[in-house]
Amino acid sequence: MPSSPTPSRLKKEFAAYLTLEKGAGVNTLEAYTDDVDKLMNYLTTAGPGGTPIAPTDVDTSTLRLFLGELNDLGISPRSRARILSGIRSLFRFMRAEGYIEVDPTAMLEAPSIGKHLPEVLSVDEIDRMIAAIDMNTPEGERNRAIIETLYGCGLRVSELVNLEVSRLRLDRGYLGVTGKGSKERLVPLSPVAADAISTYLNNTRADLTVKPGQENFVFLNRRGSHLTRVMIFYIVKSLAERAGITKEISPHTLRHSFATHLLEGGANLRAIQQMLGHESIATTEIYLHLDTTRLRHEILTYHPRNRR
């Protein structure tokens, strides 16, 4: 068995494994290495009398205590489950490399998170958000294009901020994006979204002084650099507030709304899976539960036998 690696060396080897062998994207790499950092920080004082525990000496009991501490810190079950996913990957890597003989996560139970039904906007609410955009500002055309693209294509926010001009096919009605795991896919583009993007590119964006290296990004800030995910979050929240929408929403809400409205309109679940870039149909099936929940609400509200 190879000698026990130091925590810093282990983290570097694990990051290289995720990148080179698993093809992990930037967001996945950041999330998993952050999960490992949390565990490594915990292990520095997890032994008897506050002594450190080496990663190769970790057992299932230690990991249960680690997850318990996350719970005590108020971290939600969903976040704990995601952290556990990163930790599982680490110990599978260590076992494959021969650093450990037994994977301590094999008998570890994941936190119960239940079925999460995402918030969804109505078509009217989305129209109100677009109407709330101040088209007299330099950012007006850009923000309209952002909302139309998020809702009209169902993009993840990471896919939106990294959208490239060279991958737009506005005349053919589609665009190319790089999704989770660096997987490429083509996404159909509605005429409304295509028109909003084209207007922005030909007017507001054409007048910007673009910073070197940023030329291929579609959505830029006023300084000529591509937008961050945080900025997209701010734009969406701000427009929702102006539109009088009190729901707790984020850029991902527009993606949920895209999928839900397609399903309500009769779209095939497999087609929605492909457009969203879901690896598993099980991920897309949450929209079936969402649709059923809304249907039940409608029946309980409007059926004459349920009225008082």
C-alpha atoms as a PDB file:
ATOM      1  CA  MET A   1       0.000   0.000   0.000  1.00  0.00           C
ATOM      2  CA  PRO A   2       1.359   3.496  -0.887  1.00  0.00           C
ATOM      3  CA  SER A   3       2.526   5.758   1.927  1.00  0.00           C
ATOM      4  CA  SER A   4      -0.121   7.937   3.529  1.00  0.00           C
ATOM      5  CA  PRO A   5      -0.332  11.281   1.677  1.00  0.00           C
ATOM      6  CA  THR A   6      -0.463  14.631   3.451  1.00  0.00           C
ATOM      7  CA  PRO A   7      -3.857  16.384   3.306  1.00  0.00           C
ATOM      8  CA  SER A   8      -2.527  19.028   0.881  1.00  0.00           C
ATOM      9  CA  ARG A   9      -1.061  16.391  -1.447  1.00  0.00           C
ATOM     10  CA  LEU A  10      -4.250  14.343  -1.254  1.00  0.00           C
ATOM     11  CA  LYS A  11      -6.357  17.351  -2.221  1.00  0.00           C
ATOM     12  CA  LYS A  12      -4.124  18.075  -5.236  1.00  0.00           C
ATOM     13  CA  GLU A  13      -4.252  14.454  -6.414  1.00  0.00           C
ATOM     14  CA  PHE A  14      -8.023  14.327  -5.943  1.00  0.00           C
ATOM     15  CA  ALA A  15      -8.495  17.559  -7.916  1.00  0.00           C
ATOM     16  CA  ALA A  16      -6.320  16.196 -10.738  1.00  0.00           C
ATOM     17  CA  TYR A  17      -8.352  12.959 -10.719  1.00  0.00           C
ATOM     18  CA  LEU A  18     -11.652  14.863 -10.978  1.00  0.00           C
ATOM     19  CA  THR A  19     -10.358  17.018 -13.821  1.00  0.00           C
ATOM     20  CA  LEU A  20      -8.389  14.533 -15.907  1.00  0.00           C
ATOM     21  CA  GLU A  21     -10.210  11.250 -15.339  1.00  0.00           C
ATOM     22  CA  LYS A  22     -13.770  12.321 -14.483  1.00  0.00           C
ATOM     23  CA  GLY A  23     -13.892  15.394 -16.735  1.00  0.00           C
ATOM     24  CA  ALA A  24     -15.389  17.487 -13.944  1.00  0.00           C
ATOM     25  CA  GLY A  25     -16.368  21.039 -14.837  1.00  0.00           C
ATOM     26  CA  VAL A  26     -15.190  24.115 -12.957  1.00  0.00           C
ATOM     27  CA  ASN A  27     -18.283  24.298 -10.745  1.00  0.00           C
ATOM     28  CA  THR A  28     -18.154  20.605  -9.806  1.00  0.00           C
ATOM     29  CA  LEU A  29     -14.434  20.838  -9.071  1.00  0.00           C
ATOM     30  CA  GLU A  30     -14.943  23.865  -6.826  1.00  0.00           C
ATOM     31  CA  ALA A  31     -17.812  22.196  -4.961  1.00  0.00           C
ATOM     32  CA  TYR A  32     -15.989  18.901  -4.356  1.00  0.00           C
ATOM     33  CA  THR A  33     -12.719  20.510  -3.270  1.00  0.00           C
ATOM     34  CA  ASP A  34     -14.695  22.752  -0.890  1.00  0.00           C
ATOM     35  CA  ASP A  35     -16.343  19.621   0.569  1.00  0.00           C
ATOM     36  CA  VAL A  36     -12.898  18.070   1.101  1.00  0.00           C
ATOM     37  CA  ASP A  37     -11.670  21.264   2.776  1.00  0.00           C
ATOM     38  CA  LYS A  38     -14.562  21.069   5.254  1.00  0.00           C
ATOM     39  CA  LEU A  39     -13.653  17.501   6.152  1.00  0.00           C
ATOM     40  CA  MET A  40      -9.914  18.220   6.400  1.00  0.00           C
ATOM     41  CA  ASN A  41     -10.554  21.168   8.722  1.00  0.00           C
ATOM     42  CA  TYR A  42     -12.715  18.942  10.914  1.00  0.00           C
ATOM     43  CA  LEU A  43     -10.055  16.190  11.049  1.00  0.00           C
ATOM     44  CA  THR A  44      -7.401  18.556  12.433  1.00  0.00           C
ATOM     45  CA  THR A  45      -9.018  18.325  15.905  1.00  0.00           C
ATOM     46  CA  ALA A  46     -11.247  15.236  15.601  1.00  0.00           C
ATOM     47  CA  GLY A  47      -8.986  12.787  17.454  1.00  0.00           C
ATOM     48  CA  PRO A  48      -8.775  12.082  21.213  1.00  0.00           C
ATOM     49  CA  GLY A  49      -8.014  15.252  23.141  1.00  0.00           C
ATOM     50  CA  GLY A  50      -8.316  17.384  20.016  1.00  0.00           C
ATOM     51  CA  THR A  51      -5.548  15.603  18.134  1.00  0.00           C
ATOM     52  CA  PRO A  52      -5.645  15.319  14.324  1.00  0.00           C
ATOM     53  CA  ILE A  53      -6.879  12.279  12.413  1.00  0.00           C
ATOM     54  CA  ALA A  54      -5.129  11.379   9.150  1.00  0.00           C
ATOM     55  CA  PRO A  55      -7.466  10.981   6.129  1.00  0.00           C
ATOM     56  CA  THR A  56      -6.302   7.356   5.773  1.00  0.00           C
ATOM     57  CA  ASP A  57      -7.396   6.632   9.372  1.00  0.00           C
ATOM     58  CA  VAL A  58     -10.954   7.938   8.963  1.00  0.00           C
ATOM     59  CA  ASP A  59     -13.698   5.405   9.698  1.00  0.00           C
ATOM     60  CA  THR A  60     -17.480   5.471   9.362  1.00  0.00           C
ATOM     61  CA  SER A  61     -17.923   6.615  12.963  1.00  0.00           C
ATOM     62  CA  THR A  62     -15.711   9.648  12.352  1.00  0.00           C
ATOM     63  CA  LEU A  63     -17.726  10.607   9.295  1.00  0.00           C
ATOM     64  CA  ARG A  64     -21.018  10.258  11.193  1.00  0.00           C
ATOM     65  CA  LEU A  65     -19.671  12.691  13.792  1.00  0.00           C
ATOM     66  CA  PHE A  66     -18.575  15.031  10.980  1.00  0.00           C
ATOM     67  CA  LEU A  67     -22.077  15.019   9.462  1.00  0.00           C
ATOM     68  CA  GLY A  68     -23.529  15.539  12.932  1.00  0.00           C
ATOM     69  CA  GLU A  69     -21.404  18.651  13.385  1.00  0.00           C
ATOM     70  CA  LEU A  70     -22.647  19.986  10.026  1.00  0.00           C
ATOM     71  CA  ASN A  71     -26.187  19.454  11.308  1.00  0.00           C
ATOM     72  CA  ASP A  72     -25.384  21.295  14.542  1.00  0.00           C
ATOM     73  CA  LEU A  73     -24.071  24.212  12.486  1.00  0.00           C
ATOM     74  CA  GLY A  74     -27.514  24.518  10.883  1.00  0.00           C
ATOM     75  CA  ILE A  75     -26.527  23.211   7.439  1.00  0.00           C
ATOM     76  CA  SER A  76     -29.631  21.891   5.679  1.00  0.00           C
ATOM     77  CA  PRO A  77     -30.135  18.194   4.865  1.00  0.00           C
ATOM     78  CA  ARG A  78     -29.888  18.963   1.155  1.00  0.00           C
ATOM     79  CA  SER A  79     -26.527  20.713   1.615  1.00  0.00           C
ATOM     80  CA  ARG A  80     -25.268  17.921   3.878  1.00  0.00           C
ATOM     81  CA  ALA A  81     -26.221  15.366   1.238  1.00  0.00           C
ATOM     82  CA  ARG A  82     -24.309  17.322  -1.384  1.00  0.00           C
ATOM     83  CA  ILE A  83     -21.244  17.561   0.871  1.00  0.00           C
ATOM     84  CA  LEU A  84     -21.453  13.804   1.488  1.00  0.00           C
ATOM     85  CA  SER A  85     -21.419  13.240  -2.275  1.00  0.00           C
ATOM     86  CA  GLY A  86     -18.066  15.020  -2.505  1.00  0.00           C
ATOM     87  CA  ILE A  87     -16.690  13.073   0.463  1.00  0.00           C
ATOM     88  CA  ARG A  88     -17.783   9.762  -1.086  1.00  0.00           C
ATOM     89  CA  SER A  89     -15.887  10.629  -4.255  1.00  0.00           C
ATOM     90  CA  LEU A  90     -12.760  11.382  -2.221  1.00  0.00           C
ATOM     91  CA  PHE A  91     -12.718   8.032  -0.421  1.00  0.00           C
ATOM     92  CA  ARG A  92     -13.528   6.089  -3.595  1.00  0.00           C
ATOM     93  CA  PHE A  93     -10.521   7.783  -5.148  1.00  0.00           C
ATOM     94  CA  MET A  94      -8.355   6.910  -2.136  1.00  0.00           C
ATOM     95  CA  ARG A  95      -9.427   3.260  -2.319  1.00  0.00           C
ATOM     96  CA  ALA A  96      -8.751   3.117  -6.064  1.00  0.00           C
ATOM     97  CA  GLU A  97      -5.274   4.560  -5.466  1.00  0.00           C
ATOM     98  CA  GLY A  98      -4.551   2.023  -2.715  1.00  0.00           C
ATOM     99  CA  TYR A  99      -4.350   4.552   0.117  1.00  0.00           C
ATOM    100  CA  ILE A 100      -7.102   2.688   2.023  1.00  0.00           C
ATOM    101  CA  GLU A 101      -8.451  -0.861   1.866  1.00  0.00           C
ATOM    102  CA  VAL A 102     -12.020  -0.138   3.002  1.00  0.00           C
ATOM    103  CA  ASP A 103     -14.212   2.771   1.929  1.00  0.00           C
ATOM    104  CA  PRO A 104     -15.629   4.297   5.164  1.00  0.00           C
ATOM    105  CA  THR A 105     -18.511   5.923   3.271  1.00  0.00           C
ATOM    106  CA  ALA A 106     -19.891   2.592   2.022  1.00  0.00           C
ATOM    107  CA  MET A 107     -22.072   2.101   5.132  1.00  0.00           C
ATOM    108  CA  LEU A 108     -22.846   5.791   5.623  1.00  0.00           C
ATOM    109  CA  GLU A 109     -26.490   6.827   5.396  1.00  0.00           C
ATOM    110  CA  ALA A 110     -27.298   9.960   3.413  1.00  0.00           C
ATOM    111  CA  PRO A 111     -29.433  12.655   5.102  1.00  0.00           C
ATOM    112  CA  SER A 112     -33.104  12.402   4.187  1.00  0.00           C
ATOM    113  CA  ILE A 113     -34.006  15.420   2.070  1.00  0.00           C
ATOM    114  CA  GLY A 114     -37.417  14.431   0.741  1.00  0.00           C
ATOM    115  CA  LYS A 115     -38.902  15.604  -2.537  1.00  0.00           C
ATOM    116  CA  HIS A 116     -38.221  19.267  -3.248  1.00  0.00           C
ATOM    117  CA  LEU A 117     -40.719  20.999  -5.489  1.00  0.00           C
ATOM    118  CA  PRO A 118     -39.147  24.142  -6.975  1.00  0.00           C
ATOM    119  CA  GLU A 119     -40.861  27.508  -7.123  1.00  0.00           C
ATOM    120  CA  VAL A 120     -42.388  28.295 -10.507  1.00  0.00           C
ATOM    121  CA  LEU A 121     -43.418  31.579 -12.103  1.00  0.00           C
ATOM    122  CA  SER A 122     -46.523  31.964 -14.212  1.00  0.00           C
ATOM    123  CA  VAL A 123     -46.297  33.308 -17.755  1.00  0.00           C
ATOM    124  CA  ASP A 124     -47.920  36.514 -16.513  1.00  0.00           C
ATOM    125  CA  GLU A 125     -45.265  36.923 -13.805  1.00  0.00           C
ATOM    126  CA  ILE A 126     -42.470  36.460 -16.334  1.00  0.00           C
ATOM    127  CA  ASP A 127     -44.127  39.028 -18.622  1.00  0.00           C
ATOM    128  CA  ARG A 128     -44.297  41.425 -15.679  1.00  0.00           C
ATOM    129  CA  MET A 129     -40.568  40.956 -14.992  1.00  0.00           C
ATOM    130  CA  ILE A 130     -39.752  41.784 -18.611  1.00  0.00           C
ATOM    131  CA  ALA A 131     -42.086  44.795 -18.511  1.00  0.00           C
ATOM    132  CA  ALA A 132     -40.232  46.001 -15.385  1.00  0.00           C
ATOM    133  CA  ILE A 133     -36.969  46.347 -17.322  1.00  0.00           C
ATOM    134  CA  ASP A 134     -36.010  49.977 -17.890  1.00  0.00           C
ATOM    135  CA  MET A 135     -35.244  50.025 -21.614  1.00  0.00           C
ATOM    136  CA  ASN A 136     -33.928  53.587 -21.342  1.00  0.00           C
ATOM    137  CA  THR A 137     -30.803  52.394 -19.536  1.00  0.00           C
ATOM    138  CA  PRO A 138     -27.730  50.920 -21.267  1.00  0.00           C
ATOM    139  CA  GLU A 139     -28.404  47.590 -19.516  1.00  0.00           C
ATOM    140  CA  GLY A 140     -32.049  47.384 -20.604  1.00  0.00           C
ATOM    141  CA  GLU A 141     -31.514  45.457 -23.850  1.00  0.00           C
ATOM    142  CA  ARG A 142     -29.005  43.154 -22.162  1.00  0.00           C
ATOM    143  CA  ASN A 143     -31.288  42.345 -19.225  1.00  0.00           C
ATOM    144  CA  ARG A 144     -34.222  41.623 -21.533  1.00  0.00           C
ATOM    145  CA  ALA A 145     -32.028  39.240 -23.524  1.00  0.00           C
ATOM    146  CA  ILE A 146     -30.910  37.560 -20.281  1.00  0.00           C
ATOM    147  CA  ILE A 147     -34.455  36.912 -19.058  1.00  0.00           C
ATOM    148  CA  GLU A 148     -35.678  35.748 -22.473  1.00  0.00           C
ATOM    149  CA  THR A 149     -32.717  33.361 -22.771  1.00  0.00           C
ATOM    150  CA  LEU A 150     -33.041  31.924 -19.252  1.00  0.00           C
ATOM    151  CA  TYR A 151     -36.764  31.356 -19.682  1.00  0.00           C
ATOM    152  CA  GLY A 152     -36.855  30.649 -23.421  1.00  0.00           C
ATOM    153  CA  CYS A 153     -34.002  28.090 -23.352  1.00  0.00           C
ATOM    154  CA  GLY A 154     -34.046  26.790 -19.778  1.00  0.00           C
ATOM    155  CA  LEU A 155     -30.338  27.441 -19.290  1.00  0.00           C
ATOM    156  CA  ARG A 156     -28.458  27.032 -16.033  1.00  0.00           C
ATOM    157  CA  VAL A 157     -26.974  30.323 -14.841  1.00  0.00           C
ATOM    158  CA  SER A 158     -23.444  28.939 -15.360  1.00  0.00           C
ATOM    159  CA  GLU A 159     -24.370  28.139 -18.973  1.00  0.00           C
ATOM    160  CA  LEU A 160     -25.725  31.652 -19.465  1.00  0.00           C
ATOM    161  CA  VAL A 161     -22.670  33.526 -18.155  1.00  0.00           C
ATOM    162  CA  ASN A 162     -20.362  31.355 -20.277  1.00  0.00           C
ATOM    163  CA  LEU A 163     -22.488  31.581 -23.433  1.00  0.00           C
ATOM    164  CA  GLU A 164     -20.272  32.409 -26.416  1.00  0.00           C
ATOM    165  CA  VAL A 165     -21.019  34.505 -29.497  1.00  0.00           C
ATOM    166  CA  SER A 166     -19.343  31.897 -31.710  1.00  0.00           C
ATOM    167  CA  ARG A 167     -21.874  29.282 -30.606  1.00  0.00           C
ATOM    168  CA  LEU A 168     -24.971  31.321 -31.429  1.00  0.00           C
ATOM    169  CA  ARG A 169     -26.950  30.286 -34.501  1.00  0.00           C
ATOM    170  CA  LEU A 170     -29.673  32.890 -34.332  1.00  0.00           C
ATOM    171  CA  ASP A 171     -30.684  32.470 -37.967  1.00  0.00           C
ATOM    172  CA  ARG A 172     -31.123  28.712 -37.474  1.00  0.00           C
ATOM    173  CA  GLY A 173     -32.854  28.980 -34.107  1.00  0.00           C
ATOM    174  CA  TYR A 174     -30.446  27.298 -31.716  1.00  0.00           C
ATOM    175  CA  LEU A 175     -27.378  27.865 -29.554  1.00  0.00           C
ATOM    176  CA  GLY A 176     -24.640  25.641 -28.167  1.00  0.00           C
ATOM    177  CA  VAL A 177     -23.833  25.435 -24.458  1.00  0.00           C
ATOM    178  CA  THR A 178     -21.431  23.559 -22.211  1.00  0.00           C
ATOM    179  CA  GLY A 179     -23.338  21.995 -19.322  1.00  0.00           C
ATOM    180  CA  LYS A 180     -22.437  19.953 -16.251  1.00  0.00           C
ATOM    181  CA  GLY A 181     -19.457  17.668 -16.646  1.00  0.00           C
ATOM    182  CA  SER A 182     -18.309  19.734 -19.665  1.00  0.00           C
ATOM    183  CA  LYS A 183     -21.036  18.089 -21.767  1.00  0.00           C
ATOM    184  CA  GLU A 184     -21.994  19.911 -24.944  1.00  0.00           C
ATOM    185  CA  ARG A 185     -25.570  20.241 -26.149  1.00  0.00           C
ATOM    186  CA  LEU A 186     -27.622  22.204 -28.677  1.00  0.00           C
ATOM    187  CA  VAL A 187     -30.601  24.136 -27.321  1.00  0.00           C
ATOM    188  CA  PRO A 188     -33.531  25.321 -29.463  1.00  0.00           C
ATOM    189  CA  LEU A 189     -33.931  29.086 -29.444  1.00  0.00           C
ATOM    190  CA  SER A 190     -37.346  30.756 -29.681  1.00  0.00           C
ATOM    191  CA  PRO A 191     -37.786  33.643 -32.140  1.00  0.00           C
ATOM    192  CA  VAL A 192     -38.482  35.987 -29.189  1.00  0.00           C
ATOM    193  CA  ALA A 193     -35.220  35.066 -27.447  1.00  0.00           C
ATOM    194  CA  ALA A 194     -33.275  35.182 -30.724  1.00  0.00           C
ATOM    195  CA  ASP A 195     -34.625  38.672 -31.448  1.00  0.00           C
ATOM    196  CA  ALA A 196     -33.719  39.884 -27.920  1.00  0.00           C
ATOM    197  CA  ILE A 197     -30.163  38.544 -28.225  1.00  0.00           C
ATOM    198  CA  SER A 198     -29.731  39.977 -31.719  1.00  0.00           C
ATOM    199  CA  THR A 199     -30.961  43.418 -30.631  1.00  0.00           C
ATOM    200  CA  TYR A 200     -28.553  43.429 -27.686  1.00  0.00           C
ATOM    201  CA  LEU A 201     -25.561  42.288 -29.782  1.00  0.00           C
ATOM    202  CA  ASN A 202     -26.172  44.842 -32.532  1.00  0.00           C
ATOM    203  CA  ASN A 203     -26.813  47.808 -30.245  1.00  0.00           C
ATOM    204  CA  THR A 204     -25.727  47.894 -26.586  1.00  0.00           C
ATOM    205  CA  ARG A 205     -22.964  45.308 -26.811  1.00  0.00           C
ATOM    206  CA  ALA A 206     -21.587  46.707 -30.066  1.00  0.00           C
ATOM    207  CA  ASP A 207     -20.965  50.035 -28.301  1.00  0.00           C
ATOM    208  CA  LEU A 208     -18.953  48.506 -25.440  1.00  0.00           C
ATOM    209  CA  THR A 209     -15.178  48.562 -25.154  1.00  0.00           C
ATOM    210  CA  VAL A 210     -14.564  44.861 -24.593  1.00  0.00           C
ATOM    211  CA  LYS A 211     -11.614  43.782 -22.455  1.00  0.00           C
ATOM    212  CA  PRO A 212      -9.024  41.497 -24.058  1.00  0.00           C
ATOM    213  CA  GLY A 213      -9.983  37.854 -23.674  1.00  0.00           C
ATOM    214  CA  GLN A 214     -13.690  38.667 -23.170  1.00  0.00           C
ATOM    215  CA  GLU A 215     -14.611  39.143 -26.822  1.00  0.00           C
ATOM    216  CA  ASN A 216     -16.452  35.836 -27.248  1.00  0.00           C
ATOM    217  CA  PHE A 217     -18.729  36.112 -24.203  1.00  0.00           C
ATOM    218  CA  VAL A 218     -22.295  37.168 -25.063  1.00  0.00           C
ATOM    219  CA  PHE A 219     -23.317  38.940 -21.863  1.00  0.00           C
ATOM    220  CA  LEU A 220     -20.954  41.653 -20.625  1.00  0.00           C
ATOM    221  CA  ASN A 221     -21.035  44.291 -17.910  1.00  0.00           C
ATOM    222  CA  ARG A 222     -20.509  47.987 -18.626  1.00  0.00           C
ATOM    223  CA  ARG A 223     -16.737  47.527 -18.194  1.00  0.00           C
ATOM    224  CA  GLY A 224     -16.566  44.962 -20.990  1.00  0.00           C
ATOM    225  CA  SER A 225     -16.127  41.822 -18.853  1.00  0.00           C
ATOM    226  CA  HIS A 226     -18.466  38.839 -18.839  1.00  0.00           C
ATOM    227  CA  LEU A 227     -21.104  38.776 -16.104  1.00  0.00           C
ATOM    228  CA  THR A 228     -20.795  36.642 -12.989  1.00  0.00           C
ATOM    229  CA  ARG A 229     -23.434  34.296 -11.583  1.00  0.00           C
ATOM    230  CA  VAL A 230     -23.893  36.684  -8.655  1.00  0.00           C
ATOM    231  CA  MET A 231     -24.728  39.535 -11.028  1.00  0.00           C
ATOM    232  CA  ILE A 232     -27.334  37.418 -12.848  1.00  0.00           C
ATOM    233  CA  PHE A 233     -28.870  36.547  -9.467  1.00  0.00           C
ATOM    234  CA  TYR A 234     -29.066  40.256  -8.615  1.00  0.00           C
ATOM    235  CA  ILE A 235     -30.666  41.148 -11.957  1.00  0.00           C
ATOM    236  CA  VAL A 236     -33.368  38.472 -11.593  1.00  0.00           C
ATOM    237  CA  LYS A 237     -34.146  39.332  -7.948  1.00  0.00           C
ATOM    238  CA  SER A 238     -34.294  43.042  -8.712  1.00  0.00           C
ATOM    239  CA  LEU A 239     -36.705  42.594 -11.630  1.00  0.00           C
ATOM    240  CA  ALA A 240     -38.923  40.295  -9.567  1.00  0.00           C
ATOM    241  CA  GLU A 241     -39.174  42.928  -6.834  1.00  0.00           C
ATOM    242  CA  ARG A 242     -40.025  45.647  -9.362  1.00  0.00           C
ATOM    243  CA  ALA A 243     -42.700  43.371 -10.830  1.00  0.00           C
ATOM    244  CA  GLY A 244     -44.267  42.912  -7.392  1.00  0.00           C
ATOM    245  CA  ILE A 245     -43.449  39.188  -7.226  1.00  0.00           C
ATOM    246  CA  THR A 246     -43.133  38.005  -3.622  1.00  0.00           C
ATOM    247  CA  LYS A 247     -42.014  34.428  -4.343  1.00  0.00           C
ATOM    248  CA  GLU A 248     -38.483  33.423  -3.341  1.00  0.00           C
ATOM    249  CA  ILE A 249     -36.868  33.164  -6.761  1.00  0.00           C
ATOM    250  CA  SER A 250     -33.451  32.911  -8.390  1.00  0.00           C
ATOM    251  CA  PRO A 251     -32.187  32.523 -11.970  1.00  0.00           C
ATOM    252  CA  HIS A 252     -32.897  28.780 -11.607  1.00  0.00           C
ATOM    253  CA  THR A 253     -36.587  29.601 -11.109  1.00  0.00           C
ATOM    254  CA  LEU A 254     -36.773  30.621 -14.778  1.00  0.00           C
ATOM    255  CA  ARG A 255     -35.314  27.228 -15.735  1.00  0.00           C
ATOM    256  CA  HIS A 256     -37.930  25.479 -13.584  1.00  0.00           C
ATOM    257  CA  SER A 257     -40.647  27.613 -15.150  1.00  0.00           C
ATOM    258  CA  PHE A 258     -39.402  26.773 -18.661  1.00  0.00           C
ATOM    259  CA  ALA A 259     -39.648  23.032 -17.959  1.00  0.00           C
ATOM    260  CA  THR A 260     -42.990  23.225 -16.145  1.00  0.00           C
ATOM    261  CA  HIS A 261     -44.657  25.297 -18.848  1.00  0.00           C
ATOM    262  CA  LEU A 262     -43.408  22.884 -21.532  1.00  0.00           C
ATOM    263  CA  LEU A 263     -44.854  19.947 -19.610  1.00  0.00           C
ATOM    264  CA  GLU A 264     -48.159  21.734 -19.075  1.00  0.00           C
ATOM    265  CA  GLY A 265     -48.255  22.469 -22.797  1.00  0.00           C
ATOM    266  CA  GLY A 266     -47.928  18.770 -23.635  1.00  0.00           C
ATOM    267  CA  ALA A 267     -44.180  18.416 -24.315  1.00  0.00           C
ATOM    268  CA  ASN A 268     -42.613  14.953 -24.037  1.00  0.00           C
ATOM    269  CA  LEU A 269     -40.613  14.379 -20.841  1.00  0.00           C
ATOM    270  CA  ARG A 270     -37.671  12.951 -22.828  1.00  0.00           C
ATOM    271  CA  ALA A 271     -37.554  16.094 -24.970  1.00  0.00           C
ATOM    272  CA  ILE A 272     -37.535  18.260 -21.838  1.00  0.00           C
ATOM    273  CA  GLN A 273     -34.713  16.095 -20.427  1.00  0.00           C
ATOM    274  CA  GLN A 274     -32.607  16.723 -23.534  1.00  0.00           C
ATOM    275  CA  MET A 275     -33.273  20.463 -23.545  1.00  0.00           C
ATOM    276  CA  LEU A 276     -32.373  20.797 -19.854  1.00  0.00           C
ATOM    277  CA  GLY A 277     -29.273  18.644 -20.216  1.00  0.00           C
ATOM    278  CA  HIS A 278     -30.288  16.225 -17.445  1.00  0.00           C
ATOM    279  CA  GLU A 279     -28.174  13.080 -17.433  1.00  0.00           C
ATOM    280  CA  SER A 280     -30.970  11.054 -15.819  1.00  0.00           C
ATOM    281  CA  ILE A 281     -34.689  11.125 -16.618  1.00  0.00           C
ATOM    282  CA  ALA A 282     -35.270  10.820 -12.845  1.00  0.00           C
ATOM    283  CA  THR A 283     -34.058  14.405 -12.426  1.00  0.00           C
ATOM    284  CA  THR A 284     -36.586  15.630 -14.992  1.00  0.00           C
ATOM    285  CA  GLU A 285     -39.421  13.661 -13.386  1.00  0.00           C
ATOM    286  CA  ILE A 286     -39.615  16.179 -10.539  1.00  0.00           C
ATOM    287  CA  TYR A 287     -41.693  18.290 -12.928  1.00  0.00           C
ATOM    288  CA  LEU A 288     -44.286  15.520 -13.069  1.00  0.00           C
ATOM    289  CA  HIS A 289     -44.674  15.783  -9.294  1.00  0.00           C
ATOM    290  CA  LEU A 290     -44.843  19.558  -9.562  1.00  0.00           C
ATOM    291  CA  ASP A 291     -47.543  19.384 -12.235  1.00  0.00           C
ATOM    292  CA  THR A 292     -49.566  16.906 -10.158  1.00  0.00           C
ATOM    293  CA  THR A 293     -49.317  19.140  -7.091  1.00  0.00           C
ATOM    294  CA  ARG A 294     -50.592  22.147  -9.025  1.00  0.00           C
ATOM    295  CA  LEU A 295     -53.397  20.063 -10.522  1.00  0.00           C
ATOM    296  CA  ARG A 296     -54.491  18.930  -7.046  1.00  0.00           C
ATOM    297  CA  HIS A 297     -54.508  22.560  -5.884  1.00  0.00           C
ATOM    298  CA  GLU A 298     -56.724  23.542  -8.820  1.00  0.00           C
ATOM    299  CA  ILE A 299     -59.185  20.721  -8.058  1.00  0.00           C
ATOM    300  CA  LEU A 300     -59.374  21.552  -4.353  1.00  0.00           C
ATOM    301  CA  THR A 301     -59.859  25.239  -5.148  1.00  0.00           C
ATOM    302  CA  TYR A 302     -62.394  25.119  -7.968  1.00  0.00           C
ATOM    303  CA  HIS A 303     -64.295  21.812  -7.846  1.00  0.00           C
ATOM    304  CA  PRO A 304     -67.841  22.429  -6.548  1.00  0.00           C
ATOM    305  CA  ARG A 305     -67.635  19.537  -4.037  1.00  0.00           C
ATOM    306  CA  ASN A 306     -64.652  21.208  -2.366  1.00  0.00           C
ATOM    307  CA  ARG A 307     -66.207  24.645  -1.996  1.00  0.00           C
ATOM    308  CA  ARG A 308     -67.582  25.783   1.342  1.00  0.00           C
END
